[in-house]
Amino acid sequence: MKKSRVLSIAAAAVISTIALAGCSAGSGSDGGSGSGDAASCDASSGPVTLNFTTWVPNMDKVVALWNEENPDVQVKVSIVPNGNSGTYQNFFNQLKAGNAPDIGQVEYDTLPAFRVQDGLANIASCEGVSDAEADFSDGLWNQVTFGEDDSVYAIPQDSGPMALYYRKDLFEKAGLDVPTTWEQYAEDAVKIKEMGGSITNFAKGDVNQFAGLVSQAGGQWFDTSDGTWSVDMTDEASTKVADYWQDLISKDLVTTLPSFTDEWNNAYNTDQDWTWVSAVWGANTISSGAPDTSGKWAVAPMPQWEEGETASAAWGGSSNVVFKGSEHPAEASQFLVWLNTSTEALDALNKEANLYPASSTGAELPALTSGVEFYGDQAIYEEFATAAENIQPFTWGPTMTQTYSDISDGFGTAASGDGTLLEALESGQEKTIAALEAQSIAVK
């Protein structure tokens, strides 16, 4: 499976509230966020077999490298459908029954759903875990710690750093510089419309992309710093981003096509849509969906709210967790640090599964430092490596499927000219709080 398909699915896949309701919620002073006690990280005596469930293709070939070098700690891989295709529900059922695998793959925006059900082992005290932090950006590390001190609930695996894909040929022909600020981006939108095109497509169904834009602006929809969930989808940054895109929509400066459809692909395969603010996996999405434009695209940093800033964000990506109940958290953590930080494993993951690694070490892989023909031989992954270092922290909530759906409904209404994006966020906030309260999760 190519990267574009793996992460296009992964970016939108989150646990359903039905699955959450099927498990008993945590309780106590943490407001239902589960026990944060660190797992016992004493080494097991005798040979160990770890069960690892993932949907990364060819992961068994990567794990074979570990098994050959570590005869006393063997890893057994099960390759399954992606999380939202049943694997997350299976994980929750297994946790409830007490027979979950030692290790599982969980996307960043789904981690809180497992955390709130106390399904993740806190591996912070396991050997090598604290040292691994240096291999990841602050934003990615925040995804697996939830901003908690002395807690680590996963090791980042792959990442979705965002940047600006743009039609270099069209910008040059129009005499336009690549926009470095959102103000310049909006000014270019006006000029591009006058030439019969659109600067981009506003993806009314891709709320996770919008969340990335909010993250870049410094927004934060969820917080658990005082032990309870707080929800604020209309903070200053979120309002700024919503008002910005609402203005572009109201002035008909952007298209509003459903993402990843034939119509959407055609807009990028012609001269209609000139840019896409997207993640690293979008490189394959464009090349496969817009083949007639080969050699005409390039990649630049995301536009900034203030000239000279370098903030980026993430859209998509997964982590590896040690599930509560594993009898071998020490060995599982040791394996996960190897899998996600060693050059040997990262090189194999890239070659066998086309994964873009979350680790900064992975950015130095030969395949990610070479020019890409479709993008005029630009070494585009170097741009994403820089973006990965500047991903802004963002905490996901425990009911993201419903949150995405509720906001998406409002975005669709706003895109049709009835209502606004800000009103959609306000409604999404109210419904998210209600969903948390319905599950007896403390929220304010």
Protein backbone atom coordinates (compact mmCIF):
# COMPACT_ATOMS: atom_id res chain seq x y z
CA MET A 1 0.00 0.00 0.00
CA LYS A 2 1.44 3.36 -1.00
CA LYS A 3 2.04 6.12 1.49
CA SER A 4 -0.73 8.30 0.08
CA ARG A 5 -3.35 5.64 0.73
CA VAL A 6 -1.98 4.58 4.12
CA LEU A 7 -1.94 8.04 5.58
CA SER A 8 -4.95 9.46 3.79
CA ILE A 9 -6.87 6.82 5.68
CA ALA A 10 -4.82 7.22 8.82
CA ALA A 11 -5.31 10.97 8.96
CA ALA A 12 -9.06 10.51 9.32
CA ALA A 13 -9.18 7.29 11.34
CA VAL A 14 -10.12 7.72 15.00
CA ILE A 15 -11.92 5.64 17.56
CA SER A 16 -15.69 5.89 17.63
CA THR A 17 -17.64 6.91 20.69
CA ILE A 18 -19.46 3.59 20.37
CA ALA A 19 -16.20 1.81 21.08
CA LEU A 20 -15.55 4.09 24.01
CA ALA A 21 -18.98 3.45 25.45
CA GLY A 22 -18.26 -0.28 25.27
CA CYS A 23 -15.54 0.06 27.92
CA SER A 24 -15.81 1.31 31.46
CA ALA A 25 -14.52 4.84 31.87
CA GLY A 26 -11.78 5.55 34.34
CA SER A 27 -12.58 7.49 37.47
CA GLY A 28 -10.96 9.34 40.26
CA SER A 29 -9.05 12.60 40.58
CA ASP A 30 -7.81 12.45 37.02
CA GLY A 31 -11.31 13.05 35.71
CA GLY A 32 -11.49 9.77 33.86
CA SER A 33 -8.14 10.10 32.15
CA GLY A 34 -6.90 6.83 33.59
CA SER A 35 -4.12 6.00 36.02
CA GLY A 36 -0.84 7.68 35.24
CA ASP A 37 1.27 5.35 37.40
CA ALA A 38 4.46 4.27 35.66
CA ALA A 39 4.69 0.66 34.56
CA SER A 40 7.12 -1.65 36.30
CA CYS A 41 10.14 -1.76 34.04
CA ASP A 42 12.06 -4.59 35.61
CA ALA A 43 13.49 -6.97 33.01
CA SER A 44 11.68 -10.27 32.63
CA SER A 45 13.48 -13.48 33.51
CA GLY A 46 13.97 -15.95 30.70
CA PRO A 47 13.00 -15.70 27.01
CA VAL A 48 10.24 -13.24 26.08
CA THR A 49 7.75 -13.22 23.19
CA LEU A 50 6.02 -9.93 22.43
CA ASN A 51 2.82 -9.75 20.41
CA PHE A 52 2.68 -6.70 18.10
CA THR A 53 -0.44 -5.68 16.17
CA THR A 54 -0.03 -3.14 13.36
CA TRP A 55 -1.35 -2.25 9.91
CA VAL A 56 2.02 -1.16 8.50
CA PRO A 57 2.66 -3.31 5.41
CA ASN A 58 5.74 -5.54 5.55
CA MET A 59 6.32 -4.80 9.23
CA ASP A 60 7.21 -8.48 9.61
CA LYS A 61 10.26 -7.93 7.41
CA VAL A 62 11.41 -5.07 9.63
CA VAL A 63 10.81 -7.01 12.83
CA ALA A 64 12.82 -9.92 11.40
CA LEU A 65 15.93 -7.75 11.77
CA TRP A 66 15.25 -7.38 15.49
CA ASN A 67 14.45 -11.05 15.99
CA GLU A 68 17.70 -12.10 14.36
CA GLU A 69 19.73 -9.92 16.71
CA ASN A 70 17.69 -10.55 19.88
CA PRO A 71 17.04 -14.28 20.30
CA ASP A 72 15.82 -13.86 23.89
CA VAL A 73 13.24 -11.18 23.01
CA GLN A 74 11.23 -12.27 20.00
CA VAL A 75 8.46 -10.16 18.46
CA LYS A 76 5.47 -11.81 16.76
CA VAL A 77 3.73 -9.50 14.27
CA SER A 78 0.06 -9.47 13.29
CA ILE A 79 -0.71 -7.22 10.30
CA VAL A 80 -4.35 -6.14 10.38
CA PRO A 81 -6.72 -3.56 8.81
CA ASN A 82 -6.20 0.07 9.84
CA GLY A 83 -7.57 1.23 13.16
CA ASN A 84 -10.92 2.56 12.07
CA SER A 85 -11.59 -0.59 10.02
CA GLY A 86 -12.04 -2.66 13.16
CA THR A 87 -8.64 -2.83 14.81
CA TYR A 88 -9.36 -0.13 17.40
CA GLN A 89 -12.60 -1.84 18.37
CA ASN A 90 -10.69 -5.11 18.71
CA PHE A 91 -8.10 -3.42 20.91
CA PHE A 92 -10.81 -2.15 23.24
CA ASN A 93 -12.48 -5.55 23.37
CA GLN A 94 -9.14 -7.20 24.12
CA LEU A 95 -8.32 -4.71 26.85
CA LYS A 96 -11.68 -5.36 28.46
CA ALA A 97 -11.10 -9.13 28.24
CA GLY A 98 -7.53 -8.86 29.50
CA ASN A 99 -5.90 -10.35 26.39
CA ALA A 100 -4.64 -7.33 24.47
CA PRO A 101 -1.34 -7.63 22.59
CA ASP A 102 1.79 -6.27 24.23
CA ILE A 103 2.21 -3.62 21.54
CA GLY A 104 -0.21 -1.89 19.20
CA GLN A 105 -0.28 0.84 16.58
CA VAL A 106 -2.40 3.86 17.51
CA GLU A 107 -2.72 7.17 15.67
CA TYR A 108 -1.97 10.37 17.57
CA ASP A 109 -5.50 11.70 17.51
CA THR A 110 -6.78 8.38 18.87
CA LEU A 111 -4.33 8.06 21.77
CA PRO A 112 -6.58 10.05 24.17
CA ALA A 113 -9.40 7.57 23.57
CA PHE A 114 -7.18 4.80 24.93
CA ARG A 115 -5.72 7.01 27.64
CA VAL A 116 -9.12 7.96 29.00
CA GLN A 117 -9.96 4.24 29.29
CA ASP A 118 -6.68 3.54 31.13
CA GLY A 119 -5.57 1.22 28.34
CA LEU A 120 -1.98 2.44 27.95
CA ALA A 121 1.07 1.60 30.03
CA ASN A 122 3.11 4.57 31.21
CA ILE A 123 6.57 3.52 30.01
CA ALA A 124 8.38 6.68 31.13
CA SER A 125 10.68 4.79 33.52
CA CYS A 126 11.63 2.05 31.06
CA GLU A 127 15.22 2.03 29.87
CA GLY A 128 15.89 4.17 26.81
CA VAL A 129 12.51 5.91 26.73
CA SER A 130 13.54 9.22 28.29
CA ASP A 131 16.64 9.32 26.08
CA ALA A 132 14.45 8.80 23.00
CA GLU A 133 12.77 12.15 23.56
CA ALA A 134 15.74 13.90 21.94
CA ASP A 135 14.91 12.17 18.63
CA PHE A 136 11.52 13.85 18.30
CA SER A 137 10.15 17.37 18.02
CA ASP A 138 8.48 18.89 21.07
CA GLY A 139 5.16 18.81 19.24
CA LEU A 140 5.35 15.08 18.52
CA TRP A 141 6.58 14.21 22.00
CA ASN A 142 3.67 16.16 23.45
CA GLN A 143 1.33 13.88 21.48
CA VAL A 144 2.55 10.83 23.40
CA THR A 145 2.84 12.46 26.83
CA PHE A 146 -0.32 14.62 26.81
CA GLY A 147 1.81 17.32 28.39
CA GLU A 148 2.10 15.30 31.61
CA ASP A 149 5.35 15.34 33.55
CA ASP A 150 7.08 11.97 33.99
CA SER A 151 4.64 10.19 31.67
CA VAL A 152 5.15 8.58 28.26
CA TYR A 153 2.33 6.53 26.74
CA ALA A 154 3.76 5.75 23.30
CA ILE A 155 6.77 6.12 21.03
CA PRO A 156 6.13 8.18 17.86
CA GLN A 157 6.39 6.09 14.70
CA ASP A 158 5.56 8.11 11.61
CA SER A 159 4.73 11.77 11.20
CA GLY A 160 2.66 14.06 9.02
CA PRO A 161 4.53 17.40 9.04
CA MET A 162 2.74 20.00 6.93
CA ALA A 163 4.07 22.32 4.24
CA LEU A 164 2.85 24.17 1.15
CA TYR A 165 2.57 22.30 -2.16
CA TYR A 166 2.35 24.85 -4.98
CA ARG A 167 2.31 24.98 -8.77
CA LYS A 168 5.71 26.51 -9.35
CA ASP A 169 5.07 27.00 -13.07
CA LEU A 170 1.84 28.93 -12.54
CA PHE A 171 3.31 31.17 -9.86
CA GLU A 172 6.30 31.97 -12.06
CA LYS A 173 4.11 32.66 -15.09
CA ALA A 174 1.93 34.99 -13.01
CA GLY A 175 4.96 36.76 -11.57
CA LEU A 176 4.00 35.78 -8.02
CA ASP A 177 6.47 34.94 -5.28
CA VAL A 178 5.79 31.91 -3.13
CA PRO A 179 3.66 33.25 -0.24
CA THR A 180 5.53 33.26 3.06
CA THR A 181 2.72 34.74 5.18
CA TRP A 182 -1.01 34.11 5.37
CA GLU A 183 -1.57 37.76 4.52
CA GLN A 184 0.37 37.31 1.29
CA TYR A 185 -1.48 34.05 0.64
CA ALA A 186 -4.83 35.86 0.80
CA GLU A 187 -3.54 38.63 -1.49
CA ASP A 188 -2.41 35.99 -4.00
CA ALA A 189 -5.84 34.38 -3.80
CA VAL A 190 -7.38 37.55 -5.18
CA LYS A 191 -4.86 37.74 -8.04
CA ILE A 192 -5.25 34.07 -8.90
CA LYS A 193 -9.03 34.40 -9.05
CA GLU A 194 -8.63 37.25 -11.52
CA MET A 195 -6.68 34.80 -13.70
CA GLY A 196 -9.46 32.22 -13.54
CA GLY A 197 -8.00 29.90 -10.89
CA SER A 198 -8.27 29.30 -7.15
CA ILE A 199 -5.41 29.40 -4.71
CA THR A 200 -6.59 26.19 -3.03
CA ASN A 201 -9.51 24.02 -2.02
CA PHE A 202 -11.06 24.42 1.42
CA ALA A 203 -11.57 20.85 2.58
CA LYS A 204 -14.84 21.12 4.48
CA GLY A 205 -14.63 17.46 5.48
CA ASP A 206 -10.99 17.47 6.60
CA VAL A 207 -11.36 18.90 10.08
CA ASN A 208 -8.05 17.29 11.05
CA GLN A 209 -6.35 19.48 8.44
CA PHE A 210 -8.08 22.53 9.93
CA ALA A 211 -6.91 21.42 13.38
CA GLY A 212 -3.36 21.49 11.99
CA LEU A 213 -3.87 25.09 10.85
CA VAL A 214 -5.14 25.98 14.32
CA SER A 215 -2.16 24.22 15.90
CA GLN A 216 0.26 26.21 13.74
CA ALA A 217 -1.42 29.41 14.93
CA GLY A 218 -0.89 28.42 18.57
CA GLY A 219 -4.40 27.17 19.31
CA GLN A 220 -5.27 24.34 21.66
CA TRP A 221 -8.68 22.66 21.63
CA PHE A 222 -8.17 20.32 24.57
CA ASP A 223 -6.25 20.48 27.83
CA THR A 224 -5.85 18.12 30.77
CA SER A 225 -3.18 19.95 32.73
CA ASP A 226 -5.24 20.20 35.91
CA GLY A 227 -6.55 16.63 35.83
CA THR A 228 -9.83 17.28 34.02
CA TRP A 229 -10.62 17.80 30.36
CA SER A 230 -11.21 21.35 29.20
CA VAL A 231 -12.50 22.14 25.71
CA ASP A 232 -11.97 25.43 23.90
CA MET A 233 -12.43 25.42 20.13
CA THR A 234 -12.98 29.16 19.88
CA ASP A 235 -9.80 30.44 21.50
CA GLU A 236 -8.02 33.39 19.94
CA ALA A 237 -6.01 31.29 17.49
CA SER A 238 -8.97 29.14 16.42
CA THR A 239 -11.11 32.23 15.87
CA LYS A 240 -8.36 33.85 13.82
CA VAL A 241 -7.98 30.81 11.58
CA ALA A 242 -11.75 30.38 11.19
CA ASP A 243 -12.28 34.04 10.30
CA TYR A 244 -9.39 33.93 7.81
CA TRP A 245 -10.76 30.97 5.86
CA GLN A 246 -14.32 32.24 6.16
CA ASP A 247 -13.23 35.40 4.38
CA LEU A 248 -11.70 33.37 1.54
CA ILE A 249 -14.87 31.27 1.26
CA SER A 250 -17.20 34.26 1.36
CA LYS A 251 -15.25 35.97 -1.42
CA ASP A 252 -15.27 32.79 -3.53
CA LEU A 253 -11.46 32.71 -3.55
CA VAL A 254 -11.23 28.97 -2.86
CA THR A 255 -12.99 25.89 -4.17
CA THR A 256 -14.91 23.68 -1.74
CA LEU A 257 -14.74 20.24 -3.35
CA PRO A 258 -14.88 16.97 -1.40
CA SER A 259 -11.29 15.86 -0.83
CA PHE A 260 -9.67 12.89 -2.59
CA THR A 261 -12.44 12.60 -5.19
CA ASP A 262 -12.07 12.53 -8.97
CA GLU A 263 -13.36 16.12 -9.08
CA TRP A 264 -10.82 17.16 -6.47
CA ASN A 265 -7.99 15.42 -8.32
CA ASN A 266 -9.01 17.09 -11.56
CA ALA A 267 -8.81 20.54 -9.97
CA TYR A 268 -5.17 19.84 -9.17
CA ASN A 269 -4.47 18.07 -12.43
CA THR A 270 -5.44 21.23 -14.32
CA ASP A 271 -4.77 24.91 -13.69
CA GLN A 272 -7.74 25.28 -11.31
CA ASP A 273 -6.22 24.87 -7.82
CA TRP A 274 -2.70 26.19 -7.38
CA THR A 275 -1.70 25.14 -3.85
CA TRP A 276 -2.42 22.63 -1.12
CA VAL A 277 -1.39 23.03 2.52
CA SER A 278 -0.92 19.41 3.43
CA ALA A 279 1.26 16.78 5.06
CA VAL A 280 4.23 14.85 3.76
CA TRP A 281 2.02 11.99 2.58
CA GLY A 282 0.37 14.47 0.19
CA ALA A 283 3.37 14.16 -2.12
CA ASN A 284 2.09 10.79 -3.31
CA THR A 285 -1.51 11.99 -3.29
CA ILE A 286 -0.73 14.74 -5.79
CA SER A 287 1.54 12.68 -8.00
CA SER A 288 -1.04 9.89 -8.29
CA GLY A 289 -4.08 12.16 -8.61
CA ALA A 290 -2.57 14.82 -10.89
CA PRO A 291 -0.15 12.92 -13.18
CA ASP A 292 -0.35 15.50 -15.99
CA THR A 293 1.36 18.08 -13.78
CA SER A 294 4.60 16.18 -13.26
CA GLY A 295 7.56 18.52 -12.90
CA LYS A 296 5.35 21.55 -12.24
CA TRP A 297 4.96 21.30 -8.45
CA ALA A 298 7.28 22.35 -5.64
CA VAL A 299 7.19 22.43 -1.85
CA ALA A 300 7.76 25.39 0.50
CA PRO A 301 7.17 26.02 4.20
CA MET A 302 3.66 26.74 5.41
CA PRO A 303 2.77 30.45 5.27
CA GLN A 304 3.23 32.12 8.65
CA TRP A 305 1.08 34.50 10.63
CA GLU A 306 4.10 36.73 11.22
CA GLU A 307 6.95 37.16 8.77
CA GLY A 308 10.04 35.26 9.89
CA GLU A 309 8.25 32.64 12.00
CA THR A 310 8.79 28.94 11.27
CA ALA A 311 5.82 27.24 12.95
CA SER A 312 4.46 24.06 11.38
CA ALA A 313 1.88 21.44 12.31
CA ALA A 314 1.04 17.79 11.74
CA TRP A 315 -1.75 16.06 9.83
CA GLY A 316 -1.77 12.30 10.39
CA GLY A 317 0.79 9.90 11.78
CA SER A 318 0.91 7.00 14.23
CA SER A 319 2.60 5.87 17.40
CA ASN A 320 3.35 2.51 19.02
CA VAL A 321 1.96 1.82 22.48
CA VAL A 322 2.49 -0.78 25.19
CA PHE A 323 -0.97 -1.82 26.33
CA LYS A 324 -1.90 -2.04 29.99
CA GLY A 325 -1.63 -5.63 31.09
CA SER A 326 1.52 -6.47 29.16
CA GLU A 327 3.79 -8.62 31.30
CA HIS A 328 6.88 -7.32 29.51
CA PRO A 329 6.83 -3.49 29.38
CA ALA A 330 10.61 -3.30 29.72
CA GLU A 331 11.28 -5.48 26.68
CA ALA A 332 8.40 -3.94 24.71
CA SER A 333 9.78 -0.45 25.33
CA GLN A 334 13.28 -1.54 24.36
CA PHE A 335 11.93 -2.90 21.07
CA LEU A 336 9.90 0.25 20.34
CA VAL A 337 12.85 2.55 20.93
CA TRP A 338 14.87 0.44 18.47
CA LEU A 339 12.01 0.33 15.95
CA ASN A 340 11.47 4.08 15.91
CA THR A 341 14.92 5.59 16.47
CA SER A 342 17.58 3.24 15.08
CA THR A 343 18.91 3.86 11.58
CA GLU A 344 18.63 0.14 10.84
CA ALA A 345 14.90 -0.01 11.59
CA LEU A 346 14.03 3.37 10.09
CA ASP A 347 15.76 2.53 6.84
CA ALA A 348 13.85 -0.76 6.65
CA LEU A 349 10.53 0.94 7.46
CA ASN A 350 11.09 3.44 4.68
CA LYS A 351 12.09 0.82 2.13
CA GLU A 352 9.48 -1.79 3.05
CA ALA A 353 6.51 0.42 3.99
CA ASN A 354 7.30 3.88 2.58
CA LEU A 355 6.85 5.41 6.04
CA TYR A 356 8.00 8.94 6.75
CA PRO A 357 9.65 8.52 10.17
CA ALA A 358 8.78 10.66 13.15
CA SER A 359 12.38 10.45 14.39
CA SER A 360 14.80 13.17 13.32
CA THR A 361 17.30 10.38 12.63
CA GLY A 362 15.05 9.17 9.84
CA ALA A 363 15.27 12.49 8.04
CA GLU A 364 18.87 11.61 7.12
CA LEU A 365 17.91 8.46 5.20
CA PRO A 366 19.18 8.53 1.58
CA ALA A 367 15.66 8.09 0.20
CA LEU A 368 14.58 11.23 2.02
CA THR A 369 17.47 13.43 0.94
CA SER A 370 17.25 12.81 -2.81
CA GLY A 371 15.42 14.83 -5.43
CA VAL A 372 11.93 13.75 -6.50
CA GLU A 373 11.28 13.80 -10.25
CA PHE A 374 7.60 14.74 -9.98
CA TYR A 375 8.62 17.85 -8.03
CA GLY A 376 11.22 19.01 -10.52
CA ASP A 377 13.95 17.02 -8.74
CA GLN A 378 13.50 19.11 -5.60
CA ALA A 379 14.58 17.31 -2.44
CA ILE A 380 11.13 17.91 -0.97
CA TYR A 381 11.59 15.70 2.08
CA GLU A 382 14.22 18.06 3.38
CA GLU A 383 11.47 20.68 3.58
CA PHE A 384 9.35 18.28 5.59
CA ALA A 385 12.26 17.39 7.85
CA THR A 386 12.53 21.06 8.77
CA ALA A 387 8.78 21.28 9.21
CA ALA A 388 8.84 18.26 11.52
CA GLU A 389 11.21 20.07 13.86
CA ASN A 390 8.72 22.93 14.15
CA ILE A 391 5.45 21.06 14.75
CA GLN A 392 3.48 22.90 17.41
CA PRO A 393 2.09 20.97 20.41
CA PHE A 394 -1.56 19.97 20.12
CA THR A 395 -3.64 17.74 22.40
CA TRP A 396 -6.42 15.60 20.95
CA GLY A 397 -9.65 14.87 22.78
CA PRO A 398 -11.06 11.44 23.66
CA THR A 399 -14.07 11.60 21.29
CA MET A 400 -12.48 12.86 18.09
CA THR A 401 -14.73 10.93 15.69
CA GLN A 402 -17.78 12.78 16.94
CA THR A 403 -15.90 16.05 17.17
CA TYR A 404 -14.72 15.74 13.57
CA SER A 405 -18.19 14.81 12.38
CA ASP A 406 -19.95 17.63 14.21
CA ILE A 407 -17.53 20.30 13.02
CA SER A 408 -17.51 18.89 9.49
CA ASP A 409 -21.29 19.23 9.29
CA GLY A 410 -20.98 22.89 10.23
CA PHE A 411 -18.11 23.46 7.80
CA GLY A 412 -20.23 22.04 5.00
CA THR A 413 -23.03 24.45 5.86
CA ALA A 414 -20.61 27.37 5.97
CA ALA A 415 -19.10 26.40 2.62
CA SER A 416 -22.56 26.56 1.07
CA GLY A 417 -23.04 30.10 2.38
CA ASP A 418 -25.29 29.33 5.35
CA GLY A 419 -23.52 29.91 8.65
CA THR A 420 -19.84 30.42 9.41
CA LEU A 421 -16.83 28.34 10.30
CA LEU A 422 -16.71 29.96 13.73
CA GLU A 423 -20.31 28.96 14.37
CA ALA A 424 -19.36 25.41 13.39
CA LEU A 425 -16.57 25.43 15.99
CA GLU A 426 -18.93 26.81 18.64
CA SER A 427 -21.45 24.06 17.93
CA GLY A 428 -18.71 21.42 17.82
CA GLN A 429 -17.47 22.53 21.22
CA GLU A 430 -20.92 22.28 22.79
CA LYS A 431 -21.49 18.80 21.35
CA THR A 432 -18.02 17.60 22.36
CA ILE A 433 -18.57 18.68 25.96
CA ALA A 434 -21.94 16.91 25.94
CA ALA A 435 -20.32 13.75 24.61
CA LEU A 436 -17.69 13.79 27.36
CA GLU A 437 -20.30 14.35 30.04
CA ALA A 438 -22.40 11.49 28.63
CA GLN A 439 -19.43 9.18 29.22
CA SER A 440 -18.94 10.48 32.78
CA ILE A 441 -15.64 12.09 31.81
CA ALA A 442 -14.94 15.14 33.96
CA VAL A 443 -14.94 18.23 31.77
CA LYS A 444 -15.07 21.95 32.32
